[in-house]
């Protein structure tokens, strides 16, 4: 299934996410008793703590290969109940196509966490073959995101690929808040690949880290 995006880019992506959140809130279930709310809150806190320790989510499928929901220069596992869809822009050169670009890469796949109970996405961005290494591609990606700050980079290896990962803060002018985000990059013969994890806020981001870790640890080139 393909998702055709008319207006995207980092700012528009956050606007779309907010719209989805508001829609979900309008359909919210009746408020739970206080005891149940406390239990849910404790569970969420424990999940966030475990995520920060590198917990890996249960596998729900693999994407990237031909015939999968998103065909990519790499393959990796996605978390159980997360749903992947190809992102399709407009014709080359038009506004929609331009807004899907960030630095040297273009948004090509979204993996939605909502079916698993979180608000956020793993987004996959791909680019054309170039001489840039993974660090350069990732730095260009972050530099192209208005509101990014306090970046921390580190290297890693996975599936025979040399990768670079970044943790940073993103400040939204629209929402007037700052939250954690994370991304990684590898370079293949088909070009750079960036996998990015955002989230509605820092709490959602940390709860989704096991899905990000699963993708990172199972990342492979074709």
N, C-alpha and C. Protein backbone atom coordinates (compact mmCIF):
# COMPACT_ATOMS: atom_id res chain seq x y z
N UNK A 1 0.85 -1.20 0.00
CA UNK A 1 0.00 0.00 0.00
C UNK A 1 0.88 1.23 0.00
N UNK A 2 0.50 2.21 -0.78
CA UNK A 2 1.28 3.43 -0.88
C UNK A 2 0.55 4.59 -0.23
N UNK A 3 1.32 5.45 0.43
CA UNK A 3 0.76 6.66 1.01
C UNK A 3 1.25 7.83 0.17
N UNK A 4 0.32 8.53 -0.47
CA UNK A 4 0.71 9.67 -1.29
C UNK A 4 0.69 10.92 -0.42
N UNK A 5 1.83 11.58 -0.32
CA UNK A 5 1.96 12.75 0.53
C UNK A 5 1.97 14.00 -0.31
N UNK A 6 1.05 14.91 -0.02
CA UNK A 6 0.99 16.15 -0.76
C UNK A 6 1.82 17.24 -0.11
N UNK A 7 1.79 17.31 1.25
CA UNK A 7 2.56 18.31 1.97
C UNK A 7 3.28 17.59 3.08
N UNK A 8 4.62 17.55 3.03
CA UNK A 8 5.37 16.84 4.05
C UNK A 8 6.50 17.70 4.54
N UNK A 9 7.75 17.11 4.62
CA UNK A 9 8.86 17.85 5.20
C UNK A 9 8.76 17.76 6.70
N UNK A 10 9.80 18.17 7.41
CA UNK A 10 9.82 18.00 8.86
C UNK A 10 8.69 18.75 9.52
N UNK A 11 8.50 20.05 9.18
CA UNK A 11 7.44 20.80 9.84
C UNK A 11 6.08 20.22 9.55
N UNK A 12 5.81 19.90 8.30
CA UNK A 12 4.51 19.37 7.93
C UNK A 12 4.30 17.98 8.52
N UNK A 13 5.35 17.20 8.63
CA UNK A 13 5.23 15.88 9.24
C UNK A 13 4.76 16.02 10.68
N UNK A 14 5.32 16.99 11.41
CA UNK A 14 4.91 17.21 12.79
C UNK A 14 3.46 17.71 12.85
N UNK A 15 3.06 18.55 11.91
CA UNK A 15 1.67 19.03 11.86
C UNK A 15 0.73 17.86 11.62
N UNK A 16 1.09 16.98 10.69
CA UNK A 16 0.25 15.82 10.40
C UNK A 16 0.14 14.92 11.61
N UNK A 17 1.23 14.73 12.33
CA UNK A 17 1.21 13.92 13.53
C UNK A 17 0.29 14.52 14.57
N UNK A 18 0.36 15.85 14.75
CA UNK A 18 -0.50 16.52 15.72
C UNK A 18 -1.96 16.35 15.34
N UNK A 19 -2.26 16.46 14.04
CA UNK A 19 -3.64 16.30 13.59
C UNK A 19 -4.15 14.91 13.92
N UNK A 20 -3.29 13.90 13.73
CA UNK A 20 -3.68 12.53 14.06
C UNK A 20 -3.93 12.36 15.53
N UNK A 21 -3.12 13.01 16.34
CA UNK A 21 -3.29 12.94 17.79
C UNK A 21 -4.62 13.54 18.20
N UNK A 22 -4.95 14.72 17.65
CA UNK A 22 -6.21 15.39 18.00
C UNK A 22 -7.40 14.55 17.58
N UNK A 23 -7.30 13.91 16.41
CA UNK A 23 -8.38 13.04 15.96
C UNK A 23 -8.56 11.88 16.91
N UNK A 24 -7.42 11.28 17.32
CA UNK A 24 -7.47 10.16 18.25
C UNK A 24 -8.06 10.56 19.57
N UNK A 25 -7.75 11.77 20.04
CA UNK A 25 -8.27 12.23 21.32
C UNK A 25 -9.77 12.40 21.28
N UNK A 26 -10.30 12.83 20.12
CA UNK A 26 -11.74 13.04 20.01
C UNK A 26 -12.51 11.74 20.09
N UNK A 27 -11.79 10.60 19.87
CA UNK A 27 -12.43 9.29 19.91
C UNK A 27 -11.98 8.49 21.12
N UNK A 28 -11.45 9.16 22.13
CA UNK A 28 -10.86 8.48 23.28
C UNK A 28 -11.94 7.73 24.06
N UNK A 29 -11.51 6.65 24.73
CA UNK A 29 -12.41 5.86 25.56
C UNK A 29 -12.70 6.60 26.85
N UNK A 30 -13.76 6.21 27.58
CA UNK A 30 -14.07 6.85 28.86
C UNK A 30 -12.89 6.76 29.80
N UNK A 31 -12.78 7.74 30.68
CA UNK A 31 -11.64 7.83 31.59
C UNK A 31 -11.62 6.63 32.52
N UNK A 32 -10.41 6.06 32.74
CA UNK A 32 -10.27 4.90 33.60
C UNK A 32 -10.28 5.34 35.06
N UNK A 33 -10.59 4.41 35.97
CA UNK A 33 -10.47 4.71 37.39
C UNK A 33 -9.05 5.09 37.74
N UNK A 34 -8.90 5.81 38.86
CA UNK A 34 -7.58 6.30 39.22
C UNK A 34 -6.58 5.18 39.43
N UNK A 35 -7.01 4.04 40.00
CA UNK A 35 -6.09 2.93 40.24
C UNK A 35 -5.54 2.40 38.93
N UNK A 36 -6.42 2.29 37.91
CA UNK A 36 -5.98 1.81 36.60
C UNK A 36 -5.05 2.81 35.94
N UNK A 37 -5.35 4.12 36.12
CA UNK A 37 -4.49 5.15 35.55
C UNK A 37 -3.10 5.08 36.16
N UNK A 38 -3.03 4.88 37.48
CA UNK A 38 -1.73 4.80 38.15
C UNK A 38 -0.95 3.61 37.65
N UNK A 39 -1.66 2.48 37.45
CA UNK A 39 -1.00 1.28 36.94
C UNK A 39 -0.47 1.50 35.55
N UNK A 40 -1.26 2.16 34.68
CA UNK A 40 -0.83 2.44 33.30
C UNK A 40 0.37 3.36 33.31
N UNK A 41 0.34 4.37 34.20
CA UNK A 41 1.46 5.30 34.28
C UNK A 41 2.73 4.60 34.70
N UNK A 42 2.63 3.70 35.69
CA UNK A 42 3.81 2.96 36.15
C UNK A 42 4.34 2.08 35.04
N UNK A 43 3.42 1.45 34.28
CA UNK A 43 3.84 0.59 33.18
C UNK A 43 4.57 1.38 32.11
N UNK A 44 4.06 2.57 31.77
CA UNK A 44 4.70 3.42 30.77
C UNK A 44 6.09 3.84 31.23
N UNK A 45 6.22 4.19 32.51
CA UNK A 45 7.52 4.60 33.04
C UNK A 45 8.51 3.46 32.97
N UNK A 46 8.05 2.25 33.31
CA UNK A 46 8.94 1.09 33.25
C UNK A 46 9.36 0.81 31.82
N UNK A 47 8.41 0.96 30.87
CA UNK A 47 8.72 0.74 29.47
C UNK A 47 9.76 1.73 28.98
N UNK A 48 9.61 3.00 29.35
CA UNK A 48 10.57 4.02 28.94
C UNK A 48 11.95 3.73 29.50
N UNK A 49 12.00 3.28 30.76
CA UNK A 49 13.29 2.97 31.38
C UNK A 49 13.95 1.80 30.69
N UNK A 50 13.15 0.76 30.38
CA UNK A 50 13.70 -0.41 29.70
C UNK A 50 14.19 -0.05 28.32
N UNK A 51 13.45 0.84 27.62
CA UNK A 51 13.83 1.25 26.28
C UNK A 51 15.19 1.93 26.29
N UNK A 52 15.42 2.78 27.29
CA UNK A 52 16.68 3.49 27.37
C UNK A 52 17.85 2.55 27.59
N UNK A 53 17.56 1.34 28.11
CA UNK A 53 18.62 0.36 28.36
C UNK A 53 18.91 -0.51 27.15
N UNK A 54 18.27 -0.25 26.02
CA UNK A 54 18.55 -1.00 24.80
C UNK A 54 17.68 -2.22 24.58
N UNK A 55 16.53 -2.28 25.22
CA UNK A 55 15.60 -3.39 25.01
C UNK A 55 15.18 -3.44 23.54
N UNK A 56 15.06 -4.65 23.01
CA UNK A 56 14.67 -4.83 21.60
C UNK A 56 13.25 -5.35 21.53
N UNK A 57 12.43 -4.75 20.68
CA UNK A 57 11.03 -5.15 20.54
C UNK A 57 10.91 -6.51 19.87
N UNK A 58 9.76 -7.15 20.09
CA UNK A 58 9.46 -8.40 19.41
C UNK A 58 9.26 -8.15 17.92
N UNK A 59 9.77 -9.06 17.11
CA UNK A 59 9.68 -8.91 15.65
C UNK A 59 8.26 -9.13 15.16
N UNK A 60 7.83 -8.24 14.25
CA UNK A 60 6.53 -8.39 13.64
C UNK A 60 6.59 -8.65 12.15
N UNK A 61 7.76 -8.47 11.55
CA UNK A 61 7.92 -8.67 10.11
C UNK A 61 9.23 -8.06 9.66
N UNK A 62 9.51 -8.17 8.37
CA UNK A 62 10.74 -7.63 7.79
C UNK A 62 10.38 -6.81 6.56
N UNK A 63 10.98 -5.64 6.41
CA UNK A 63 10.73 -4.82 5.23
C UNK A 63 12.04 -4.53 4.50
N UNK A 64 11.90 -4.04 3.29
CA UNK A 64 13.05 -3.65 2.49
C UNK A 64 13.23 -4.49 1.25
N UNK A 65 12.89 -5.78 1.33
CA UNK A 65 13.04 -6.68 0.18
C UNK A 65 11.94 -6.44 -0.84
N UNK A 66 12.16 -6.89 -2.06
CA UNK A 66 11.15 -6.77 -3.10
C UNK A 66 9.89 -7.49 -2.67
N UNK A 67 8.75 -6.83 -2.82
CA UNK A 67 7.48 -7.42 -2.43
C UNK A 67 7.05 -7.09 -1.02
N UNK A 68 7.94 -6.48 -0.23
CA UNK A 68 7.58 -6.08 1.14
C UNK A 68 6.85 -4.74 1.08
N UNK A 69 6.23 -4.30 2.18
CA UNK A 69 5.49 -3.03 2.16
C UNK A 69 6.33 -1.83 1.73
N UNK A 70 7.64 -1.86 2.01
CA UNK A 70 8.55 -0.82 1.55
C UNK A 70 9.77 -1.48 0.94
N UNK A 71 10.05 -1.20 -0.32
CA UNK A 71 11.25 -1.74 -0.97
C UNK A 71 12.38 -0.72 -0.81
N UNK A 72 13.49 -1.16 -0.19
CA UNK A 72 14.56 -0.26 0.21
C UNK A 72 15.92 -0.84 -0.16
N UNK A 73 17.00 -0.04 -0.08
CA UNK A 73 18.35 -0.57 -0.32
C UNK A 73 18.84 -1.47 0.80
N UNK A 74 18.07 -1.52 1.92
CA UNK A 74 18.42 -2.36 3.05
C UNK A 74 17.18 -3.13 3.50
N UNK A 75 17.37 -4.12 4.34
CA UNK A 75 16.26 -4.80 5.00
C UNK A 75 16.44 -4.67 6.50
N UNK A 76 15.33 -4.69 7.24
CA UNK A 76 15.39 -4.74 8.69
C UNK A 76 14.05 -5.18 9.24
N UNK A 77 14.05 -5.65 10.48
CA UNK A 77 12.84 -6.12 11.12
C UNK A 77 12.07 -4.94 11.71
N UNK A 78 10.76 -5.03 11.68
CA UNK A 78 9.92 -4.02 12.33
C UNK A 78 9.19 -4.66 13.51
N UNK A 79 8.84 -3.85 14.49
CA UNK A 79 8.23 -4.35 15.71
C UNK A 79 6.83 -4.90 15.46
N UNK A 80 6.43 -5.80 16.31
CA UNK A 80 5.11 -6.41 16.22
C UNK A 80 4.01 -5.36 16.28
N UNK A 81 3.08 -5.45 15.36
CA UNK A 81 1.91 -4.59 15.21
C UNK A 81 2.22 -3.23 14.57
N UNK A 82 3.48 -2.87 14.39
CA UNK A 82 3.79 -1.64 13.66
C UNK A 82 3.48 -1.89 12.18
N UNK A 83 3.01 -0.86 11.48
CA UNK A 83 2.58 -1.02 10.09
C UNK A 83 3.41 -0.12 9.16
N UNK A 84 4.02 -0.75 8.16
CA UNK A 84 4.88 -0.02 7.21
C UNK A 84 4.13 0.26 5.92
N UNK A 85 4.34 1.46 5.38
CA UNK A 85 3.73 1.86 4.12
C UNK A 85 4.71 2.71 3.33
N UNK A 86 4.72 2.52 2.03
CA UNK A 86 5.53 3.35 1.15
C UNK A 86 4.98 4.76 1.10
N UNK A 87 5.87 5.74 1.10
CA UNK A 87 5.49 7.15 0.94
C UNK A 87 5.80 7.56 -0.48
N UNK A 88 4.81 8.10 -1.16
CA UNK A 88 4.98 8.51 -2.55
C UNK A 88 4.72 10.00 -2.69
N UNK A 89 5.67 10.73 -3.20
CA UNK A 89 5.51 12.17 -3.39
C UNK A 89 4.85 12.49 -4.72
N UNK A 90 4.89 13.75 -5.07
CA UNK A 90 4.35 14.18 -6.35
C UNK A 90 5.40 14.02 -7.44
N UNK A 91 5.12 14.52 -8.63
CA UNK A 91 6.08 14.46 -9.73
C UNK A 91 7.39 15.16 -9.35
N UNK A 92 8.48 14.66 -9.93
CA UNK A 92 9.80 15.23 -9.61
C UNK A 92 9.81 16.73 -9.86
N UNK A 93 10.29 17.46 -8.86
CA UNK A 93 10.43 18.90 -9.01
C UNK A 93 9.26 19.70 -8.48
N UNK A 94 8.11 19.08 -8.17
CA UNK A 94 7.00 19.87 -7.68
C UNK A 94 7.12 20.08 -6.17
N UNK A 95 6.20 20.84 -5.59
CA UNK A 95 6.30 21.22 -4.19
C UNK A 95 6.27 20.01 -3.27
N UNK A 96 5.36 19.07 -3.53
CA UNK A 96 5.26 17.89 -2.68
C UNK A 96 6.56 17.10 -2.68
N UNK A 97 7.14 16.94 -3.87
CA UNK A 97 8.39 16.21 -3.97
C UNK A 97 9.50 16.92 -3.20
N UNK A 98 9.56 18.22 -3.28
CA UNK A 98 10.59 19.00 -2.59
C UNK A 98 10.44 18.90 -1.08
N UNK A 99 9.21 18.96 -0.59
CA UNK A 99 8.98 18.94 0.85
C UNK A 99 9.27 17.58 1.48
N UNK A 100 9.35 16.55 0.67
CA UNK A 100 9.69 15.23 1.19
C UNK A 100 11.20 15.05 1.34
N UNK A 101 11.97 16.02 0.94
CA UNK A 101 13.42 15.92 1.01
C UNK A 101 13.96 16.57 2.28
N UNK A 102 15.00 15.95 2.83
CA UNK A 102 15.69 16.54 3.97
C UNK A 102 17.18 16.28 3.79
N UNK A 103 17.92 17.33 3.52
CA UNK A 103 19.34 17.15 3.23
C UNK A 103 19.50 16.31 1.98
N UNK A 104 20.33 15.26 2.03
CA UNK A 104 20.60 14.46 0.83
C UNK A 104 19.62 13.32 0.61
N UNK A 105 18.56 13.22 1.42
CA UNK A 105 17.67 12.06 1.34
C UNK A 105 16.21 12.47 1.19
N UNK A 106 15.40 11.50 0.76
CA UNK A 106 13.97 11.71 0.52
C UNK A 106 13.17 10.68 1.30
N UNK A 107 12.08 11.10 1.91
CA UNK A 107 11.23 10.20 2.67
C UNK A 107 10.59 9.17 1.75
N UNK A 108 10.79 7.89 2.06
CA UNK A 108 10.26 6.83 1.20
C UNK A 108 9.41 5.80 1.93
N UNK A 109 9.49 5.76 3.26
CA UNK A 109 8.74 4.73 3.99
C UNK A 109 8.41 5.23 5.40
N UNK A 110 7.19 4.95 5.85
CA UNK A 110 6.77 5.26 7.21
C UNK A 110 6.29 3.99 7.90
N UNK A 111 6.75 3.78 9.13
CA UNK A 111 6.34 2.63 9.92
C UNK A 111 5.61 3.17 11.14
N UNK A 112 4.31 2.97 11.17
CA UNK A 112 3.41 3.61 12.12
C UNK A 112 3.31 2.80 13.41
N UNK A 113 3.50 3.49 14.55
CA UNK A 113 3.44 2.82 15.85
C UNK A 113 2.03 2.79 16.44
N UNK A 114 1.09 3.52 15.87
CA UNK A 114 -0.24 3.63 16.49
C UNK A 114 -0.92 2.28 16.71
N UNK A 115 -0.84 1.33 15.76
CA UNK A 115 -1.48 0.03 16.02
C UNK A 115 -0.91 -0.69 17.23
N UNK A 116 0.32 -0.34 17.62
CA UNK A 116 0.96 -0.95 18.79
C UNK A 116 0.74 -0.12 20.05
N UNK A 117 0.03 1.01 19.94
CA UNK A 117 -0.32 1.78 21.12
C UNK A 117 0.52 3.01 21.39
N UNK A 118 1.40 3.39 20.46
CA UNK A 118 2.20 4.59 20.63
C UNK A 118 1.90 5.59 19.52
N UNK A 119 2.31 6.84 19.73
CA UNK A 119 2.08 7.88 18.74
C UNK A 119 3.42 8.31 18.17
N UNK A 120 3.72 7.85 16.98
CA UNK A 120 4.99 8.18 16.34
C UNK A 120 5.28 7.25 15.18
N UNK A 121 6.41 7.48 14.56
CA UNK A 121 6.80 6.70 13.39
C UNK A 121 8.30 6.42 13.40
N UNK A 122 8.67 5.30 12.79
CA UNK A 122 10.02 5.14 12.25
C UNK A 122 9.90 5.57 10.79
N UNK A 123 10.73 6.51 10.37
CA UNK A 123 10.69 6.97 8.99
C UNK A 123 12.01 6.63 8.30
N UNK A 124 11.91 6.15 7.08
CA UNK A 124 13.09 5.77 6.32
C UNK A 124 13.26 6.73 5.16
N UNK A 125 14.46 7.29 5.06
CA UNK A 125 14.80 8.25 4.01
C UNK A 125 15.94 7.67 3.18
N UNK A 126 15.87 7.79 1.88
CA UNK A 126 16.90 7.26 1.00
C UNK A 126 17.40 8.34 0.04
N UNK A 127 18.63 8.14 -0.47
CA UNK A 127 19.21 9.12 -1.37
C UNK A 127 19.94 8.47 -2.53
N UNK A 128 20.40 9.30 -3.43
CA UNK A 128 21.14 8.82 -4.59
C UNK A 128 22.58 8.50 -4.21
N UNK A 129 23.22 7.56 -4.93
CA UNK A 129 24.63 7.24 -4.64
C UNK A 129 25.50 8.49 -4.70
N UNK A 130 26.42 8.61 -3.74
CA UNK A 130 27.32 9.77 -3.68
C UNK A 130 28.58 9.34 -2.95
N UNK A 131 29.55 10.24 -2.90
CA UNK A 131 30.82 9.93 -2.25
C UNK A 131 30.75 10.15 -0.73
N UNK A 132 29.68 10.76 -0.24
CA UNK A 132 29.57 11.03 1.19
C UNK A 132 29.50 9.74 2.00
N UNK A 133 30.13 9.74 3.18
CA UNK A 133 30.01 8.60 4.07
C UNK A 133 28.78 8.76 4.96
N UNK A 134 28.54 7.77 5.83
CA UNK A 134 27.34 7.79 6.66
C UNK A 134 27.31 9.00 7.58
N UNK A 135 28.46 9.37 8.14
CA UNK A 135 28.50 10.51 9.06
C UNK A 135 28.11 11.80 8.32
N UNK A 136 28.65 12.00 7.14
CA UNK A 136 28.34 13.20 6.37
C UNK A 136 26.87 13.24 5.99
N UNK A 137 26.32 12.09 5.59
CA UNK A 137 24.90 12.04 5.21
C UNK A 137 24.01 12.35 6.41
N UNK A 138 24.37 11.81 7.58
CA UNK A 138 23.55 12.03 8.76
C UNK A 138 23.66 13.47 9.26
N UNK A 139 24.85 14.01 9.21
CA UNK A 139 25.03 15.42 9.61
C UNK A 139 24.21 16.35 8.72
N UNK A 140 24.22 16.07 7.42
CA UNK A 140 23.45 16.89 6.48
C UNK A 140 21.95 16.76 6.75
N UNK A 141 21.52 15.57 7.12
CA UNK A 141 20.11 15.33 7.45
C UNK A 141 19.69 16.16 8.67
N UNK A 142 20.51 16.13 9.72
CA UNK A 142 20.17 16.87 10.93
C UNK A 142 20.26 18.37 10.71
N UNK A 143 21.28 18.81 9.98
CA UNK A 143 21.44 20.24 9.71
C UNK A 143 20.26 20.80 8.93
N UNK A 144 19.60 19.96 8.14
CA UNK A 144 18.45 20.41 7.34
C UNK A 144 17.16 20.44 8.14
N UNK A 145 17.22 20.10 9.42
CA UNK A 145 16.03 20.09 10.26
C UNK A 145 16.01 21.30 11.17
N UNK A 146 15.23 22.32 10.88
CA UNK A 146 15.14 23.49 11.77
C UNK A 146 14.67 23.06 13.16
N UNK A 147 15.34 23.55 14.18
CA UNK A 147 14.95 23.20 15.53
C UNK A 147 15.79 22.12 16.17
N UNK A 148 16.72 21.51 15.40
CA UNK A 148 17.59 20.47 15.95
C UNK A 148 18.75 21.10 16.72
N UNK A 149 19.12 20.49 17.85
CA UNK A 149 20.23 21.01 18.66
C UNK A 149 20.81 19.90 19.53
N UNK A 150 21.99 20.16 20.08
CA UNK A 150 22.66 19.27 21.05
C UNK A 150 22.82 17.86 20.49
N UNK A 151 23.36 17.77 19.28
CA UNK A 151 23.55 16.48 18.64
C UNK A 151 24.71 15.70 19.29
N UNK A 152 24.54 14.41 19.45
CA UNK A 152 25.59 13.51 19.92
C UNK A 152 25.69 12.35 18.93
N UNK A 153 26.85 12.22 18.28
CA UNK A 153 27.05 11.18 17.27
C UNK A 153 27.89 10.03 17.82
N UNK A 154 27.63 8.84 17.30
CA UNK A 154 28.47 7.68 17.61
C UNK A 154 28.38 6.68 16.45
N UNK A 155 29.39 5.85 16.33
CA UNK A 155 29.43 4.86 15.25
C UNK A 155 28.95 3.51 15.75
N UNK A 156 28.54 2.65 14.80
CA UNK A 156 28.15 1.28 15.13
C UNK A 156 28.32 0.42 13.89
N UNK A 157 28.28 -0.88 14.06
CA UNK A 157 28.34 -1.82 12.94
C UNK A 157 27.16 -2.75 13.02
N UNK A 158 26.59 -3.08 11.87
CA UNK A 158 25.47 -4.00 11.83
C UNK A 158 25.36 -4.64 10.45
N UNK A 159 25.21 -5.94 10.41
CA UNK A 159 25.00 -6.63 9.15
C UNK A 159 26.04 -6.35 8.09
N UNK A 160 27.29 -6.15 8.49
CA UNK A 160 28.34 -5.84 7.54
C UNK A 160 28.37 -4.40 7.10
N UNK A 161 27.56 -3.55 7.69
CA UNK A 161 27.50 -2.14 7.34
C UNK A 161 28.11 -1.29 8.45
N UNK A 162 28.80 -0.22 8.06
CA UNK A 162 29.29 0.77 9.02
C UNK A 162 28.25 1.86 9.15
N UNK A 163 27.77 2.08 10.36
CA UNK A 163 26.72 3.07 10.56
C UNK A 163 27.12 4.16 11.52
N UNK A 164 26.34 5.23 11.50
CA UNK A 164 26.49 6.35 12.43
C UNK A 164 25.12 6.66 12.99
N UNK A 165 25.07 6.92 14.30
CA UNK A 165 23.81 7.22 14.97
C UNK A 165 23.90 8.58 15.64
N UNK A 166 22.78 9.27 15.74
CA UNK A 166 22.76 10.58 16.40
C UNK A 166 21.55 10.65 17.33
N UNK A 167 21.77 11.22 18.50
CA UNK A 167 20.69 11.61 19.40
C UNK A 167 20.70 13.13 19.48
N UNK A 168 19.53 13.74 19.46
CA UNK A 168 19.49 15.19 19.51
C UNK A 168 18.15 15.66 20.06
N UNK A 169 18.04 16.96 20.28
CA UNK A 169 16.79 17.56 20.72
C UNK A 169 16.15 18.29 19.55
N UNK A 170 14.84 18.21 19.47
CA UNK A 170 14.10 18.93 18.44
C UNK A 170 13.12 19.87 19.14
N UNK A 171 13.19 21.15 18.80
CA UNK A 171 12.29 22.15 19.36
C UNK A 171 11.31 22.59 18.29
N UNK A 172 10.03 22.37 18.54
CA UNK A 172 8.98 22.73 17.60
C UNK A 172 8.46 24.13 17.90
N UNK A 173 8.55 25.02 16.94
CA UNK A 173 7.98 26.35 17.12
C UNK A 173 6.45 26.28 17.18
N UNK A 174 5.88 25.35 16.41
CA UNK A 174 4.43 25.21 16.38
C UNK A 174 3.88 24.78 17.74
N UNK A 175 4.53 23.74 18.34
CA UNK A 175 4.04 23.19 19.60
C UNK A 175 4.70 23.84 20.81
N UNK A 176 5.75 24.62 20.57
CA UNK A 176 6.48 25.31 21.65
C UNK A 176 6.96 24.32 22.70
N UNK A 177 7.61 23.25 22.26
CA UNK A 177 8.16 22.28 23.19
C UNK A 177 9.40 21.62 22.58
N UNK A 178 10.21 21.02 23.43
CA UNK A 178 11.43 20.35 23.01
C UNK A 178 11.34 18.88 23.37
N UNK A 179 11.78 18.02 22.47
CA UNK A 179 11.72 16.58 22.72
C UNK A 179 12.93 15.88 22.12
N UNK A 180 13.17 14.66 22.57
CA UNK A 180 14.29 13.86 22.07
C UNK A 180 13.93 13.22 20.73
N UNK A 181 14.92 13.13 19.85
CA UNK A 181 14.79 12.38 18.61
C UNK A 181 16.09 11.64 18.34
N UNK A 182 16.04 10.70 17.43
CA UNK A 182 17.20 9.86 17.16
C UNK A 182 17.15 9.39 15.71
N UNK A 183 18.32 9.20 15.12
CA UNK A 183 18.39 8.72 13.74
C UNK A 183 19.70 7.98 13.53
N UNK A 184 19.72 7.14 12.52
CA UNK A 184 20.95 6.46 12.13
C UNK A 184 21.08 6.51 10.62
N UNK A 185 22.30 6.32 10.15
CA UNK A 185 22.54 6.33 8.70
C UNK A 185 23.56 5.26 8.34
N UNK A 186 23.34 4.64 7.20
CA UNK A 186 24.32 3.76 6.57
C UNK A 186 24.39 4.14 5.11
N UNK A 187 25.46 3.75 4.46
CA UNK A 187 25.60 4.02 3.03
C UNK A 187 25.71 2.69 2.29
N UNK A 188 24.88 2.52 1.27
CA UNK A 188 24.89 1.32 0.45
C UNK A 188 25.32 1.69 -0.97
N UNK A 189 25.47 0.68 -1.82
CA UNK A 189 25.83 0.95 -3.21
C UNK A 189 24.72 1.72 -3.93
N UNK A 190 23.50 1.67 -3.39
CA UNK A 190 22.36 2.39 -3.97
C UNK A 190 22.18 3.78 -3.37
N UNK A 191 23.04 4.13 -2.40
CA UNK A 191 22.95 5.45 -1.79
C UNK A 191 22.75 5.38 -0.29
N UNK A 192 22.69 6.54 0.38
CA UNK A 192 22.52 6.57 1.83
C UNK A 192 21.11 6.21 2.26
N UNK A 193 21.01 5.63 3.45
CA UNK A 193 19.72 5.32 4.06
C UNK A 193 19.73 5.90 5.47
N UNK A 194 18.71 6.67 5.80
CA UNK A 194 18.55 7.24 7.14
C UNK A 194 17.28 6.68 7.75
N UNK A 195 17.38 6.16 8.97
CA UNK A 195 16.22 5.69 9.72
C UNK A 195 16.04 6.61 10.91
N UNK A 196 14.88 7.24 11.01
CA UNK A 196 14.65 8.28 12.01
C UNK A 196 13.48 7.91 12.93
N UNK A 197 13.66 8.13 14.24
CA UNK A 197 12.60 7.93 15.20
C UNK A 197 12.29 9.24 15.89
N UNK A 198 11.04 9.70 15.75
CA UNK A 198 10.60 10.90 16.44
C UNK A 198 9.68 10.53 17.58
N UNK A 199 8.42 10.95 17.48
CA UNK A 199 7.45 10.68 18.53
C UNK A 199 6.74 11.96 18.93
N UNK A 200 5.56 11.83 19.50
CA UNK A 200 4.80 13.00 19.92
C UNK A 200 5.56 13.84 20.94
N UNK A 201 6.23 13.17 21.88
CA UNK A 201 7.01 13.84 22.89
C UNK A 201 8.12 12.89 23.35
N UNK A 202 8.92 13.32 24.31
CA UNK A 202 10.04 12.49 24.76
C UNK A 202 9.57 11.18 25.37
N UNK A 203 8.47 11.19 26.10
CA UNK A 203 7.97 9.95 26.70
C UNK A 203 7.60 8.93 25.62
N UNK A 204 6.86 9.39 24.60
CA UNK A 204 6.51 8.48 23.50
C UNK A 204 7.76 7.99 22.79
N UNK A 205 8.72 8.89 22.58
CA UNK A 205 9.97 8.53 21.91
C UNK A 205 10.67 7.39 22.67
N UNK A 206 10.79 7.53 23.97
CA UNK A 206 11.50 6.53 24.76
C UNK A 206 10.75 5.21 24.80
N UNK A 207 9.43 5.26 24.79
CA UNK A 207 8.65 4.02 24.77
C UNK A 207 8.81 3.27 23.44
N UNK A 208 9.13 4.00 22.37
CA UNK A 208 9.28 3.37 21.06
C UNK A 208 10.72 2.95 20.76
N UNK A 209 11.65 3.24 21.65
CA UNK A 209 13.04 2.90 21.39
C UNK A 209 13.28 1.41 21.13
N UNK A 210 12.56 0.48 21.78
CA UNK A 210 12.78 -0.94 21.45
C UNK A 210 12.56 -1.26 19.98
N UNK A 211 11.60 -0.58 19.34
CA UNK A 211 11.36 -0.80 17.91
C UNK A 211 12.51 -0.25 17.08
N UNK A 212 13.03 0.89 17.50
CA UNK A 212 14.20 1.47 16.83
C UNK A 212 15.41 0.55 16.97
N UNK A 213 15.63 0.02 18.18
CA UNK A 213 16.76 -0.88 18.42
C UNK A 213 16.64 -2.15 17.59
N UNK A 214 15.42 -2.65 17.44
CA UNK A 214 15.21 -3.83 16.59
C UNK A 214 15.62 -3.55 15.16
N UNK A 215 15.19 -2.40 14.63
CA UNK A 215 15.57 -2.02 13.26
C UNK A 215 17.08 -1.88 13.14
N UNK A 216 17.70 -1.23 14.09
CA UNK A 216 19.15 -1.00 14.05
C UNK A 216 19.93 -2.31 14.07
N UNK A 217 19.56 -3.23 14.94
CA UNK A 217 20.33 -4.46 15.12
C UNK A 217 20.11 -5.46 13.99
N UNK A 218 19.00 -5.34 13.25
CA UNK A 218 18.72 -6.28 12.16
C UNK A 218 18.98 -5.66 10.78
N UNK A 219 19.49 -4.44 10.74
CA UNK A 219 19.72 -3.75 9.47
C UNK A 219 20.75 -4.51 8.64
N UNK A 220 20.43 -4.77 7.39
CA UNK A 220 21.30 -5.51 6.49
C UNK A 220 21.23 -4.90 5.09
N UNK A 221 22.34 -4.98 4.35
CA UNK A 221 22.31 -4.59 2.94
C UNK A 221 21.84 -5.79 2.12
N UNK A 222 21.36 -5.52 0.92
CA UNK A 222 20.91 -6.62 0.04
C UNK A 222 22.13 -7.37 -0.51
